[in-house]
Protein backbone atom coordinates (compact mmCIF):
# COMPACT_ATOMS: atom_id res chain seq x y z
CA UNK A 1 0.00 0.00 0.00
CA UNK A 2 1.31 3.45 -0.88
CA UNK A 3 0.43 6.77 0.62
CA UNK A 4 -2.16 8.87 -1.14
CA UNK A 5 -0.95 12.42 -1.41
CA UNK A 6 -3.20 15.38 -2.11
CA UNK A 7 -1.70 18.73 -3.03
CA UNK A 8 -2.95 22.10 -1.89
CA UNK A 9 -5.14 22.33 -4.95
CA UNK A 10 -6.88 19.06 -4.03
CA UNK A 11 -5.90 17.55 -7.39
CA UNK A 12 -4.51 14.06 -7.35
CA UNK A 13 -1.95 12.47 -9.59
CA UNK A 14 -0.80 8.86 -9.73
CA UNK A 15 2.84 8.58 -8.78
CA UNK A 16 3.79 4.97 -8.06
CA UNK A 17 1.43 4.38 -5.14
CA UNK A 18 1.50 8.00 -3.99
CA UNK A 19 -0.60 10.75 -5.41
CA UNK A 20 -0.14 14.44 -5.16
CA UNK A 21 0.70 17.72 -6.66
CA UNK A 22 3.69 19.51 -5.24
CA UNK A 23 2.32 20.45 -1.84
CA UNK A 24 5.88 21.35 -0.88
CA UNK A 25 7.41 24.56 0.42
CA UNK A 26 10.96 25.35 1.56
CA UNK A 27 12.50 28.20 3.49
CA UNK A 28 15.83 29.03 5.09
CA UNK A 29 16.13 30.10 8.73
CA UNK A 30 18.44 32.82 10.02
CA UNK A 31 20.69 30.04 11.42
CA UNK A 32 21.22 28.66 7.90
CA UNK A 33 19.03 25.56 8.24
CA UNK A 34 16.37 24.74 5.68
CA UNK A 35 12.83 23.73 6.51
CA UNK A 36 11.01 21.70 3.88
CA UNK A 37 7.26 21.45 4.51
CA UNK A 38 4.81 19.24 2.68
CA UNK A 39 1.44 17.63 3.16
CA UNK A 40 -0.22 14.42 2.12
CA UNK A 41 -3.33 12.38 2.80
CA UNK A 42 -3.25 8.84 4.19
CA UNK A 43 -6.46 7.16 3.12
CA UNK A 44 -8.30 4.26 4.75
CA UNK A 45 -7.22 5.27 8.27
CA UNK A 46 -9.90 6.39 10.72
CA UNK A 47 -8.69 9.66 12.26
CA UNK A 48 -11.07 9.37 15.24
CA UNK A 49 -9.89 5.85 16.05
CA UNK A 50 -6.28 6.95 15.64
CA UNK A 51 -6.77 9.81 18.11
CA UNK A 52 -8.64 7.60 20.57
CA UNK A 53 -5.74 5.15 20.90
CA UNK A 54 -2.52 6.85 22.12
CA UNK A 55 -0.34 3.79 21.39
CA UNK A 56 -1.76 3.47 17.87
CA UNK A 57 -1.29 7.21 17.25
CA UNK A 58 2.33 7.02 18.47
CA UNK A 59 3.02 4.02 16.20
CA UNK A 60 1.41 5.82 13.23
CA UNK A 61 3.50 8.97 13.84
CA UNK A 62 6.64 6.86 14.16
CA UNK A 63 5.90 5.04 10.89
CA UNK A 64 5.28 8.32 9.03
CA UNK A 65 8.50 9.86 10.43
CA UNK A 66 10.42 6.74 9.37
CA UNK A 67 8.97 6.96 5.86
CA UNK A 68 10.03 10.63 5.62
CA UNK A 69 13.57 9.98 6.89
CA UNK A 70 13.92 6.93 4.61
CA UNK A 71 12.85 8.99 1.59
CA UNK A 72 15.32 11.72 2.54
CA UNK A 73 18.16 9.22 2.89
CA UNK A 74 17.38 7.76 -0.55
CA UNK A 75 17.81 11.26 -1.95
CA UNK A 76 21.21 11.63 -0.27
CA UNK A 77 20.18 13.68 2.79
CA UNK A 78 20.82 12.58 6.36
CA UNK A 79 17.68 13.55 8.26
CA UNK A 80 17.34 12.25 11.82
CA UNK A 81 13.81 11.49 13.03
CA UNK A 82 14.05 14.34 15.53
CA UNK A 83 14.23 16.77 12.61
CA UNK A 84 10.78 15.76 11.37
CA UNK A 85 7.68 17.36 12.87
CA UNK A 86 4.15 16.21 12.08
CA UNK A 87 0.65 17.59 12.45
CA UNK A 88 -2.31 15.25 11.91
CA UNK A 89 -5.77 16.35 10.77
CA UNK A 90 -9.06 14.59 9.93
CA UNK A 91 -9.94 13.66 6.36
CA UNK A 92 -8.89 10.03 6.51
CA UNK A 93 -5.62 11.32 8.01
CA UNK A 94 -4.17 14.49 6.56
CA UNK A 95 -0.52 14.89 7.48
CA UNK A 96 1.43 18.14 7.42
CA UNK A 97 5.16 17.41 7.79
CA UNK A 98 8.14 19.71 8.18
CA UNK A 99 11.76 18.60 7.95
CA UNK A 100 14.60 20.70 9.35
CA UNK A 101 17.68 20.20 7.17
CA UNK A 102 21.07 21.57 8.19
CA UNK A 103 23.69 22.50 5.60
PDB file of N, CA and C in Angstrom:
ATOM      1  N   UNK A   1       0.837  -1.183   0.000  1.00  0.00           N
ATOM      2  CA  UNK A   1       0.000   0.000   0.000  1.00  0.00           C
ATOM      3  C   UNK A   1       0.876   1.237   0.000  1.00  0.00           C
ATOM      4  N   UNK A   2       0.586   2.182  -0.889  1.00  0.00           N
ATOM      5  CA  UNK A   2       1.306   3.447  -0.883  1.00  0.00           C
ATOM      6  C   UNK A   2       0.534   4.484  -0.110  1.00  0.00           C
ATOM      7  N   UNK A   3       1.112   5.643   0.001  1.00  0.00           N
ATOM      8  CA  UNK A   3       0.426   6.768   0.617  1.00  0.00           C
ATOM      9  C   UNK A   3      -0.281   7.533  -0.477  1.00  0.00           C
ATOM     10  N   UNK A   4      -1.470   7.994  -0.214  1.00  0.00           N
ATOM     11  CA  UNK A   4      -2.161   8.869  -1.143  1.00  0.00           C
ATOM     12  C   UNK A   4      -1.845  10.289  -0.737  1.00  0.00           C
ATOM     13  N   UNK A   5      -1.369  11.062  -1.679  1.00  0.00           N
ATOM     14  CA  UNK A   5      -0.951  12.421  -1.406  1.00  0.00           C
ATOM     15  C   UNK A   5      -1.856  13.368  -2.161  1.00  0.00           C
ATOM     16  N   UNK A   6      -2.335  14.386  -1.488  1.00  0.00           N
ATOM     17  CA  UNK A   6      -3.197  15.380  -2.111  1.00  0.00           C
ATOM     18  C   UNK A   6      -2.520  16.724  -1.960  1.00  0.00           C
ATOM     19  N   UNK A   7      -2.332  17.417  -3.068  1.00  0.00           N
ATOM     20  CA  UNK A   7      -1.705  18.732  -3.033  1.00  0.00           C
ATOM     21  C   UNK A   7      -2.661  19.793  -2.543  1.00  0.00           C
ATOM     22  N   UNK A   8      -2.132  20.996  -2.392  1.00  0.00           N
ATOM     23  CA  UNK A   8      -2.948  22.098  -1.886  1.00  0.00           C
ATOM     24  C   UNK A   8      -4.154  22.367  -2.764  1.00  0.00           C
ATOM     25  N   UNK A   9      -4.039  22.073  -4.037  1.00  0.00           N
ATOM     26  CA  UNK A   9      -5.143  22.330  -4.949  1.00  0.00           C
ATOM     27  C   UNK A   9      -6.211  21.239  -4.866  1.00  0.00           C
ATOM     28  N   UNK A  10      -5.930  20.147  -4.135  1.00  0.00           N
ATOM     29  CA  UNK A  10      -6.879  19.056  -4.027  1.00  0.00           C
ATOM     30  C   UNK A  10      -6.846  18.123  -5.219  1.00  0.00           C
ATOM     31  N   UNK A  11      -6.005  18.417  -6.224  1.00  0.00           N
ATOM     32  CA  UNK A  11      -5.904  17.550  -7.385  1.00  0.00           C
ATOM     33  C   UNK A  11      -4.979  16.389  -7.068  1.00  0.00           C
ATOM     34  N   UNK A  12      -5.306  15.239  -7.626  1.00  0.00           N
ATOM     35  CA  UNK A  12      -4.510  14.055  -7.353  1.00  0.00           C
ATOM     36  C   UNK A  12      -3.840  13.575  -8.624  1.00  0.00           C
ATOM     37  N   UNK A  13      -2.700  12.960  -8.457  1.00  0.00           N
ATOM     38  CA  UNK A  13      -1.950  12.473  -9.593  1.00  0.00           C
ATOM     39  C   UNK A  13      -1.310  11.155  -9.209  1.00  0.00           C
ATOM     40  N   UNK A  14      -1.399  10.146 -10.046  1.00  0.00           N
ATOM     41  CA  UNK A  14      -0.797   8.858  -9.729  1.00  0.00           C
ATOM     42  C   UNK A  14       0.713   8.975  -9.842  1.00  0.00           C
ATOM     43  N   UNK A  15       1.392   8.499  -8.811  1.00  0.00           N
ATOM     44  CA  UNK A  15       2.836   8.580  -8.782  1.00  0.00           C
ATOM     45  C   UNK A  15       3.408   7.372  -8.052  1.00  0.00           C
ATOM     46  N   UNK A  16       3.224   6.180  -8.634  1.00  0.00           N
ATOM     47  CA  UNK A  16       3.789   4.973  -8.059  1.00  0.00           C
ATOM     48  C   UNK A  16       3.275   4.649  -6.672  1.00  0.00           C
ATOM     49  N   UNK A  17       1.983   4.691  -6.449  1.00  0.00           N
ATOM     50  CA  UNK A  17       1.433   4.383  -5.140  1.00  0.00           C
ATOM     51  C   UNK A  17       1.160   5.626  -4.320  1.00  0.00           C
ATOM     52  N   UNK A  18       1.762   6.730  -4.676  1.00  0.00           N
ATOM     53  CA  UNK A  18       1.505   7.996  -3.987  1.00  0.00           C
ATOM     54  C   UNK A  18       0.908   8.944  -5.003  1.00  0.00           C
ATOM     55  N   UNK A  19       0.026   9.780  -4.521  1.00  0.00           N
ATOM     56  CA  UNK A  19      -0.597  10.750  -5.411  1.00  0.00           C
ATOM     57  C   UNK A  19      -0.421  12.132  -4.837  1.00  0.00           C
ATOM     58  N   UNK A  20      -0.239  13.091  -5.690  1.00  0.00           N
ATOM     59  CA  UNK A  20      -0.144  14.436  -5.163  1.00  0.00           C
ATOM     60  C   UNK A  20       0.256  15.440  -6.198  1.00  0.00           C
ATOM     61  N   UNK A  21       0.285  16.652  -5.780  1.00  0.00           N
ATOM     62  CA  UNK A  21       0.704  17.715  -6.661  1.00  0.00           C
ATOM     63  C   UNK A  21       1.491  18.724  -5.863  1.00  0.00           C
ATOM     64  N   UNK A  22       2.747  18.556  -5.792  1.00  0.00           N
ATOM     65  CA  UNK A  22       3.687  19.505  -5.236  1.00  0.00           C
ATOM     66  C   UNK A  22       3.249  20.322  -4.048  1.00  0.00           C
ATOM     67  N   UNK A  23       2.676  19.714  -3.040  1.00  0.00           N
ATOM     68  CA  UNK A  23       2.316  20.451  -1.841  1.00  0.00           C
ATOM     69  C   UNK A  23       3.576  20.572  -0.985  1.00  0.00           C
ATOM     70  N   UNK A  24       4.580  21.239  -1.534  1.00  0.00           N
ATOM     71  CA  UNK A  24       5.883  21.345  -0.881  1.00  0.00           C
ATOM     72  C   UNK A  24       6.300  22.802  -0.838  1.00  0.00           C
ATOM     73  N   UNK A  25       6.868  23.206   0.291  1.00  0.00           N
ATOM     74  CA  UNK A  25       7.414  24.559   0.424  1.00  0.00           C
ATOM     75  C   UNK A  25       8.744  24.448   1.150  1.00  0.00           C
ATOM     76  N   UNK A  26       9.660  25.355   0.878  1.00  0.00           N
ATOM     77  CA  UNK A  26      10.961  25.345   1.559  1.00  0.00           C
ATOM     78  C   UNK A  26      11.320  26.765   1.947  1.00  0.00           C
ATOM     79  N   UNK A  27      12.039  26.888   3.040  1.00  0.00           N
ATOM     80  CA  UNK A  27      12.496  28.199   3.486  1.00  0.00           C
ATOM     81  C   UNK A  27      13.751  28.047   4.319  1.00  0.00           C
ATOM     82  N   UNK A  28      14.574  29.055   4.353  1.00  0.00           N
ATOM     83  CA  UNK A  28      15.832  29.026   5.093  1.00  0.00           C
ATOM     84  C   UNK A  28      15.707  29.880   6.345  1.00  0.00           C
ATOM     85  N   UNK A  29      16.174  29.347   7.476  1.00  0.00           N
ATOM     86  CA  UNK A  29      16.134  30.099   8.727  1.00  0.00           C
ATOM     87  C   UNK A  29      17.348  31.009   8.829  1.00  0.00           C
ATOM     88  N   UNK A  30      17.317  31.912   9.797  1.00  0.00           N
ATOM     89  CA  UNK A  30      18.437  32.815  10.024  1.00  0.00           C
ATOM     90  C   UNK A  30      19.698  32.042  10.403  1.00  0.00           C
ATOM     91  N   UNK A  31      19.542  30.854  11.002  1.00  0.00           N
ATOM     92  CA  UNK A  31      20.686  30.041  11.418  1.00  0.00           C
ATOM     93  C   UNK A  31      21.270  29.240  10.258  1.00  0.00           C
ATOM     94  N   UNK A  32      20.687  29.355   9.067  1.00  0.00           N
ATOM     95  CA  UNK A  32      21.216  28.665   7.896  1.00  0.00           C
ATOM     96  C   UNK A  32      20.621  27.290   7.643  1.00  0.00           C
ATOM     97  N   UNK A  33      19.677  26.847   8.465  1.00  0.00           N
ATOM     98  CA  UNK A  33      19.029  25.557   8.241  1.00  0.00           C
ATOM     99  C   UNK A  33      17.834  25.748   7.309  1.00  0.00           C
ATOM    100  N   UNK A  34      17.530  24.729   6.565  1.00  0.00           N
ATOM    101  CA  UNK A  34      16.372  24.736   5.676  1.00  0.00           C
ATOM    102  C   UNK A  34      15.229  23.991   6.338  1.00  0.00           C
ATOM    103  N   UNK A  35      14.014  24.473   6.127  1.00  0.00           N
ATOM    104  CA  UNK A  35      12.827  23.726   6.512  1.00  0.00           C
ATOM    105  C   UNK A  35      12.064  23.408   5.239  1.00  0.00           C
ATOM    106  N   UNK A  36      11.795  22.143   5.027  1.00  0.00           N
ATOM    107  CA  UNK A  36      11.006  21.697   3.883  1.00  0.00           C
ATOM    108  C   UNK A  36       9.684  21.204   4.440  1.00  0.00           C
ATOM    109  N   UNK A  37       8.590  21.808   4.008  1.00  0.00           N
ATOM    110  CA  UNK A  37       7.264  21.447   4.509  1.00  0.00           C
ATOM    111  C   UNK A  37       6.439  20.863   3.365  1.00  0.00           C
ATOM    112  N   UNK A  38       5.661  19.853   3.686  1.00  0.00           N
ATOM    113  CA  UNK A  38       4.806  19.235   2.679  1.00  0.00           C
ATOM    114  C   UNK A  38       3.624  18.585   3.375  1.00  0.00           C
ATOM    115  N   UNK A  39       2.620  18.263   2.597  1.00  0.00           N
ATOM    116  CA  UNK A  39       1.436  17.625   3.163  1.00  0.00           C
ATOM    117  C   UNK A  39       0.990  16.497   2.260  1.00  0.00           C
ATOM    118  N   UNK A  40       0.317  15.542   2.870  1.00  0.00           N
ATOM    119  CA  UNK A  40      -0.222  14.423   2.116  1.00  0.00           C
ATOM    120  C   UNK A  40      -1.379  13.825   2.893  1.00  0.00           C
ATOM    121  N   UNK A  41      -2.147  12.991   2.224  1.00  0.00           N
ATOM    122  CA  UNK A  41      -3.335  12.375   2.798  1.00  0.00           C
ATOM    123  C   UNK A  41      -3.136  10.869   2.856  1.00  0.00           C
ATOM    124  N   UNK A  42      -3.298  10.297   4.023  1.00  0.00           N
ATOM    125  CA  UNK A  42      -3.253   8.844   4.192  1.00  0.00           C
ATOM    126  C   UNK A  42      -4.696   8.368   4.221  1.00  0.00           C
ATOM    127  N   UNK A  43      -5.082   7.633   3.210  1.00  0.00           N
ATOM    128  CA  UNK A  43      -6.463   7.164   3.117  1.00  0.00           C
ATOM    129  C   UNK A  43      -6.639   5.840   3.832  1.00  0.00           C
ATOM    130  N   UNK A  44      -7.887   5.531   4.135  1.00  0.00           N
ATOM    131  CA  UNK A  44      -8.297   4.263   4.753  1.00  0.00           C
ATOM    132  C   UNK A  44      -7.774   4.128   6.185  1.00  0.00           C
ATOM    133  N   UNK A  45      -7.562   5.255   6.853  1.00  0.00           N
ATOM    134  CA  UNK A  45      -7.219   5.266   8.270  1.00  0.00           C
ATOM    135  C   UNK A  45      -8.245   6.156   8.955  1.00  0.00           C
ATOM    136  N   UNK A  46      -8.875   5.650   9.999  1.00  0.00           N
ATOM    137  CA  UNK A  46      -9.902   6.391  10.716  1.00  0.00           C
ATOM    138  C   UNK A  46      -9.234   7.355  11.700  1.00  0.00           C
ATOM    139  N   UNK A  47      -9.334   8.647  11.428  1.00  0.00           N
ATOM    140  CA  UNK A  47      -8.690   9.664  12.260  1.00  0.00           C
ATOM    141  C   UNK A  47      -9.191   9.606  13.699  1.00  0.00           C
ATOM    142  N   UNK A  48     -10.495   9.437  13.889  1.00  0.00           N
ATOM    143  CA  UNK A  48     -11.067   9.368  15.235  1.00  0.00           C
ATOM    144  C   UNK A  48     -10.509   8.191  16.027  1.00  0.00           C
ATOM    145  N   UNK A  49     -10.430   7.032  15.383  1.00  0.00           N
ATOM    146  CA  UNK A  49      -9.887   5.847  16.047  1.00  0.00           C
ATOM    147  C   UNK A  49      -8.404   6.043  16.349  1.00  0.00           C
ATOM    148  N   UNK A  50      -7.695   6.676  15.445  1.00  0.00           N
ATOM    149  CA  UNK A  50      -6.276   6.947  15.643  1.00  0.00           C
ATOM    150  C   UNK A  50      -6.063   7.861  16.849  1.00  0.00           C
ATOM    151  N   UNK A  51      -6.885   8.875  16.983  1.00  0.00           N
ATOM    152  CA  UNK A  51      -6.771   9.808  18.108  1.00  0.00           C
ATOM    153  C   UNK A  51      -7.203   9.181  19.429  1.00  0.00           C
ATOM    154  N   UNK A  52      -8.121   8.225  19.356  1.00  0.00           N
ATOM    155  CA  UNK A  52      -8.642   7.599  20.573  1.00  0.00           C
ATOM    156  C   UNK A  52      -7.655   6.600  21.188  1.00  0.00           C
ATOM    157  N   UNK A  53      -6.699   6.151  20.433  1.00  0.00           N
ATOM    158  CA  UNK A  53      -5.735   5.147  20.902  1.00  0.00           C
ATOM    159  C   UNK A  53      -4.330   5.734  20.910  1.00  0.00           C
ATOM    160  N   UNK A  54      -3.835   6.217  22.056  1.00  0.00           N
ATOM    161  CA  UNK A  54      -2.515   6.852  22.116  1.00  0.00           C
ATOM    162  C   UNK A  54      -1.376   5.977  21.592  1.00  0.00           C
ATOM    163  N   UNK A  55      -1.413   4.668  21.874  1.00  0.00           N
ATOM    164  CA  UNK A  55      -0.345   3.790  21.388  1.00  0.00           C
ATOM    165  C   UNK A  55      -0.388   3.661  19.868  1.00  0.00           C
ATOM    166  N   UNK A  56      -1.589   3.559  19.318  1.00  0.00           N
ATOM    167  CA  UNK A  56      -1.755   3.468  17.871  1.00  0.00           C
ATOM    168  C   UNK A  56      -1.304   4.768  17.210  1.00  0.00           C
ATOM    169  N   UNK A  57      -1.690   5.904  17.784  1.00  0.00           N
ATOM    170  CA  UNK A  57      -1.288   7.207  17.246  1.00  0.00           C
ATOM    171  C   UNK A  57       0.237   7.362  17.275  1.00  0.00           C
ATOM    172  N   UNK A  58       0.866   6.934  18.372  1.00  0.00           N
ATOM    173  CA  UNK A  58       2.330   7.017  18.472  1.00  0.00           C
ATOM    174  C   UNK A  58       2.996   6.129  17.422  1.00  0.00           C
ATOM    175  N   UNK A  59       2.460   4.934  17.210  1.00  0.00           N
ATOM    176  CA  UNK A  59       3.017   4.024  16.201  1.00  0.00           C
ATOM    177  C   UNK A  59       2.838   4.593  14.797  1.00  0.00           C
ATOM    178  N   UNK A  60       1.677   5.202  14.531  1.00  0.00           N
ATOM    179  CA  UNK A  60       1.411   5.817  13.234  1.00  0.00           C
ATOM    180  C   UNK A  60       2.397   6.957  12.983  1.00  0.00           C
ATOM    181  N   UNK A  61       2.566   7.842  13.976  1.00  0.00           N
ATOM    182  CA  UNK A  61       3.497   8.971  13.837  1.00  0.00           C
ATOM    183  C   UNK A  61       4.917   8.469  13.600  1.00  0.00           C
ATOM    184  N   UNK A  62       5.311   7.429  14.323  1.00  0.00           N
ATOM    185  CA  UNK A  62       6.641   6.860  14.162  1.00  0.00           C
ATOM    186  C   UNK A  62       6.832   6.298  12.757  1.00  0.00           C
ATOM    187  N   UNK A  63       5.819   5.609  12.243  1.00  0.00           N
ATOM    188  CA  UNK A  63       5.899   5.040  10.889  1.00  0.00           C
ATOM    189  C   UNK A  63       5.995   6.135   9.832  1.00  0.00           C
ATOM    190  N   UNK A  64       5.229   7.217   9.996  1.00  0.00           N
ATOM    191  CA  UNK A  64       5.285   8.317   9.030  1.00  0.00           C
ATOM    192  C   UNK A  64       6.651   9.003   9.093  1.00  0.00           C
ATOM    193  N   UNK A  65       7.166   9.247  10.305  1.00  0.00           N
ATOM    194  CA  UNK A  65       8.499   9.860  10.426  1.00  0.00           C
ATOM    195  C   UNK A  65       9.560   8.973   9.788  1.00  0.00           C
ATOM    196  N   UNK A  66       9.467   7.662   9.993  1.00  0.00           N
ATOM    197  CA  UNK A  66      10.423   6.738   9.373  1.00  0.00           C
ATOM    198  C   UNK A  66      10.345   6.793   7.856  1.00  0.00           C
ATOM    199  N   UNK A  67       9.129   6.871   7.318  1.00  0.00           N
ATOM    200  CA  UNK A  67       8.971   6.962   5.862  1.00  0.00           C
ATOM    201  C   UNK A  67       9.606   8.245   5.323  1.00  0.00           C
ATOM    202  N   UNK A  68       9.445   9.347   6.052  1.00  0.00           N
ATOM    203  CA  UNK A  68      10.031  10.629   5.618  1.00  0.00           C
ATOM    204  C   UNK A  68      11.552  10.562   5.680  1.00  0.00           C
ATOM    205  N   UNK A  69      12.107  10.050   6.778  1.00  0.00           N
ATOM    206  CA  UNK A  69      13.572   9.980   6.890  1.00  0.00           C
ATOM    207  C   UNK A  69      14.147   8.992   5.886  1.00  0.00           C
ATOM    208  N   UNK A  70      13.456   7.891   5.620  1.00  0.00           N
ATOM    209  CA  UNK A  70      13.923   6.934   4.614  1.00  0.00           C
ATOM    210  C   UNK A  70      13.939   7.563   3.225  1.00  0.00           C
ATOM    211  N   UNK A  71      12.896   8.310   2.894  1.00  0.00           N
ATOM    212  CA  UNK A  71      12.847   8.986   1.594  1.00  0.00           C
ATOM    213  C   UNK A  71      13.972  10.012   1.480  1.00  0.00           C
ATOM    214  N   UNK A  72      14.233  10.728   2.554  1.00  0.00           N
ATOM    215  CA  UNK A  72      15.316  11.717   2.540  1.00  0.00           C
ATOM    216  C   UNK A  72      16.664  11.039   2.356  1.00  0.00           C
ATOM    217  N   UNK A  73      16.869   9.905   3.017  1.00  0.00           N
ATOM    218  CA  UNK A  73      18.159   9.219   2.892  1.00  0.00           C
ATOM    219  C   UNK A  73      18.354   8.659   1.491  1.00  0.00           C
ATOM    220  N   UNK A  74      17.266   8.237   0.834  1.00  0.00           N
ATOM    221  CA  UNK A  74      17.376   7.756  -0.549  1.00  0.00           C
ATOM    222  C   UNK A  74      17.764   8.884  -1.496  1.00  0.00           C
ATOM    223  N   UNK A  75      17.448  10.125  -1.101  1.00  0.00           N
ATOM    224  CA  UNK A  75      17.811  11.261  -1.951  1.00  0.00           C
ATOM    225  C   UNK A  75      19.170  11.837  -1.577  1.00  0.00           C
ATOM    226  N   UNK A  76      19.855  11.201  -0.626  1.00  0.00           N
ATOM    227  CA  UNK A  76      21.207  11.634  -0.271  1.00  0.00           C
ATOM    228  C   UNK A  76      21.290  12.559   0.925  1.00  0.00           C
ATOM    229  N   UNK A  77      20.187  12.802   1.610  1.00  0.00           N
ATOM    230  CA  UNK A  77      20.184  13.677   2.788  1.00  0.00           C
ATOM    231  C   UNK A  77      20.129  12.839   4.048  1.00  0.00           C
ATOM    232  N   UNK A  78      20.877  13.247   5.057  1.00  0.00           N
ATOM    233  CA  UNK A  78      20.823  12.577   6.359  1.00  0.00           C
ATOM    234  C   UNK A  78      19.887  13.384   7.251  1.00  0.00           C
ATOM    235  N   UNK A  79      18.685  12.862   7.465  1.00  0.00           N
ATOM    236  CA  UNK A  79      17.675  13.554   8.262  1.00  0.00           C
ATOM    237  C   UNK A  79      17.307  12.673   9.445  1.00  0.00           C
ATOM    238  N   UNK A  80      17.741  13.036  10.647  1.00  0.00           N
ATOM    239  CA  UNK A  80      17.338  12.251  11.819  1.00  0.00           C
ATOM    240  C   UNK A  80      15.851  12.443  12.110  1.00  0.00           C
ATOM    241  N   UNK A  81      15.238  11.430  12.715  1.00  0.00           N
ATOM    242  CA  UNK A  81      13.811  11.487  13.029  1.00  0.00           C
ATOM    243  C   UNK A  81      13.420  12.696  13.853  1.00  0.00           C
ATOM    244  N   UNK A  82      14.341  13.175  14.707  1.00  0.00           N
ATOM    245  CA  UNK A  82      14.053  14.343  15.526  1.00  0.00           C
ATOM    246  C   UNK A  82      13.932  15.630  14.739  1.00  0.00           C
ATOM    247  N   UNK A  83      14.335  15.594  13.473  1.00  0.00           N
ATOM    248  CA  UNK A  83      14.230  16.775  12.610  1.00  0.00           C
ATOM    249  C   UNK A  83      12.918  16.822  11.857  1.00  0.00           C
ATOM    250  N   UNK A  84      12.061  15.834  12.063  1.00  0.00           N
ATOM    251  CA  UNK A  84      10.782  15.757  11.367  1.00  0.00           C
ATOM    252  C   UNK A  84       9.670  16.076  12.353  1.00  0.00           C
ATOM    253  N   UNK A  85       8.853  17.070  12.039  1.00  0.00           N
ATOM    254  CA  UNK A  85       7.680  17.359  12.869  1.00  0.00           C
ATOM    255  C   UNK A  85       6.427  17.056  12.055  1.00  0.00           C
ATOM    256  N   UNK A  86       5.395  16.602  12.739  1.00  0.00           N
ATOM    257  CA  UNK A  86       4.149  16.213  12.077  1.00  0.00           C
ATOM    258  C   UNK A  86       2.962  16.857  12.756  1.00  0.00           C
ATOM    259  N   UNK A  87       1.967  17.188  11.964  1.00  0.00           N
ATOM    260  CA  UNK A  87       0.649  17.593  12.450  1.00  0.00           C
ATOM    261  C   UNK A  87      -0.348  16.699  11.739  1.00  0.00           C
ATOM    262  N   UNK A  88      -1.294  16.138  12.478  1.00  0.00           N
ATOM    263  CA  UNK A  88      -2.306  15.247  11.912  1.00  0.00           C
ATOM    264  C   UNK A  88      -3.665  15.922  11.959  1.00  0.00           C
ATOM    265  N   UNK A  89      -4.446  15.735  10.890  1.00  0.00           N
ATOM    266  CA  UNK A  89      -5.767  16.348  10.773  1.00  0.00           C
ATOM    267  C   UNK A  89      -6.755  15.320  10.228  1.00  0.00           C
ATOM    268  N   UNK A  90      -8.056  15.507  10.482  1.00  0.00           N
ATOM    269  CA  UNK A  90      -9.055  14.587   9.932  1.00  0.00           C
ATOM    270  C   UNK A  90      -9.182  14.730   8.417  1.00  0.00           C
ATOM    271  N   UNK A  91      -9.747  13.711   7.805  1.00  0.00           N
ATOM    272  CA  UNK A  91      -9.940  13.660   6.363  1.00  0.00           C
ATOM    273  C   UNK A  91      -9.242  12.406   5.883  1.00  0.00           C
ATOM    274  N   UNK A  92      -9.697  11.223   6.338  1.00  0.00           N
ATOM    275  CA  UNK A  92      -8.887  10.028   6.511  1.00  0.00           C
ATOM    276  C   UNK A  92      -7.852  10.515   7.507  1.00  0.00           C
ATOM    277  N   UNK A  93      -6.574  10.616   7.150  1.00  0.00           N
ATOM    278  CA  UNK A  93      -5.619  11.318   8.010  1.00  0.00           C
ATOM    279  C   UNK A  93      -4.793  12.226   7.122  1.00  0.00           C
ATOM    280  N   UNK A  94      -4.982  13.511   7.282  1.00  0.00           N
ATOM    281  CA  UNK A  94      -4.175  14.492   6.561  1.00  0.00           C
ATOM    282  C   UNK A  94      -2.938  14.759   7.405  1.00  0.00           C
ATOM    283  N   UNK A  95      -1.782  14.701   6.776  1.00  0.00           N
ATOM    284  CA  UNK A  95      -0.520  14.889   7.482  1.00  0.00           C
ATOM    285  C   UNK A  95       0.168  16.123   6.918  1.00  0.00           C
ATOM    286  N   UNK A  96       0.582  17.007   7.808  1.00  0.00           N
ATOM    287  CA  UNK A  96       1.434  18.135   7.423  1.00  0.00           C
ATOM    288  C   UNK A  96       2.778  17.859   8.091  1.00  0.00           C
ATOM    289  N   UNK A  97       3.823  17.738   7.288  1.00  0.00           N
ATOM    290  CA  UNK A  97       5.158  17.408   7.791  1.00  0.00           C
ATOM    291  C   UNK A  97       6.107  18.560   7.506  1.00  0.00           C
ATOM    292  N   UNK A  98       7.073  18.737   8.387  1.00  0.00           N
ATOM    293  CA  UNK A  98       8.141  19.711   8.178  1.00  0.00           C
ATOM    294  C   UNK A  98       9.444  19.027   8.555  1.00  0.00           C
ATOM    295  N   UNK A  99      10.455  19.203   7.718  1.00  0.00           N
ATOM    296  CA  UNK A  99      11.758  18.600   7.945  1.00  0.00           C
ATOM    297  C   UNK A  99      12.775  19.718   8.053  1.00  0.00           C
ATOM    298  N   UNK A 100      13.529  19.729   9.149  1.00  0.00           N
ATOM    299  CA  UNK A 100      14.604  20.703   9.350  1.00  0.00           C
ATOM    300  C   UNK A 100      15.881  20.077   8.815  1.00  0.00           C
ATOM    301  N   UNK A 101      16.480  20.712   7.816  1.00  0.00           N
ATOM    302  CA  UNK A 101      17.684  20.196   7.167  1.00  0.00           C
ATOM    303  C   UNK A 101      18.810  21.185   7.383  1.00  0.00           C
ATOM    304  N   UNK A 102      19.901  20.716   7.964  1.00  0.00           N
ATOM    305  CA  UNK A 102      21.069  21.570   8.186  1.00  0.00           C
ATOM    306  C   UNK A 102      22.028  21.440   7.019  1.00  0.00           C
ATOM    307  N   UNK A 103      22.688  22.528   6.679  1.00  0.00           N
ATOM    308  CA  UNK A 103      23.686  22.503   5.596  1.00  0.00           C
ATOM    309  C   UNK A 103      24.864  21.634   5.978  1.00  0.00           C
TER     310      UNK A 103
END
